[in-house]
Amino acid sequence: MTSSSTNVRARADRLRVTVAYAVLLLAVSVTLTAMGARTRASVVSEMSTNLHNLAHGHLAALVGSAFVSDGGNVYLWLPGLVCLLALGELIWRGRGLLITFAVGHIGATLILAVGLVAAVETGWLPFSVARATDVGISYGAVCVLGALTASIPLRWRPAWIGWWLGIGLVATSDADFTAFGHVLALLLGMGLSFRLPSMARWTPVHATLLTVGAAFGFFVLSGCSSLMAPVGGLTGVVVALLANRVVRSAAV
């Protein structure tokens, strides 16, 4: 066995969680597509982490929803997700990635569910939201994105935080509860980031994974507000930099 093949195998072993998850996502997508639209709709309905399913004890949906997508376009976004998860696994190892993804996917879902119950009971939202479709990888992925915060060099960290929070807040202007879930997942990830290992030295490979993963995260987080999202992001950057300057001045 040559040294190059040994290095490739070693790198693949470091990305076991990412590779396994990507394979499962592909397998589930291909299977549901082969079984037809009616079966896919039934599975999506059963795996949705909406208020109806959670209230009826369908707790398996909290896990199963992470493997089901509402549509057959998995091939379009899977490369971006793989880059994002791969970067996380290289920094935190498999266990850290699993914990981070689970915190975002399950944590944001449950916190959002509490808010939705309150909104429905007070009449802010219609009761139909209790059966809304809510499946996919987005909460977990956004949490992974947020958890990269502590690995961003200190001089760029305020801009990083402001950029993503600005994009997320602009997306909530559409009054889509999923956008609020994304903001929750982002905040959970940012908070968790300082409990996880951080990147000591960035390499070109890490930078490439971050670039592709961040582009994927942008489209997930911005949602239908992708045209206004850069404005929100840049505004967030300015606010974060000014706040950081004020804090540093006060500390002197």
Foldseek 3Di string as FASTA:
>chain_A
DDPVVVVVVVLCVLLVLLVVLLVLLVVVLVVQVVVDDVSLVVLLQLLFLFQVNVVVPSCVSLVVLASHDPDNVCVVQSVLLSLLLSLLSVQFNDVRLVVQLSCQSNVLSVVLNVVVVVCCVVVVDPPVRRRDGHGYRLRSLLLSVLLQLVQPPPVCNLLSVLLLLLLLVVQCVVVDSVSVSSNVSNVNSNVCNVVGGYDPDDDPSSVVSNVSNVVSNSCSNNPPVSVCSRVSSVVRSVVSVVVVVVVVVVVD
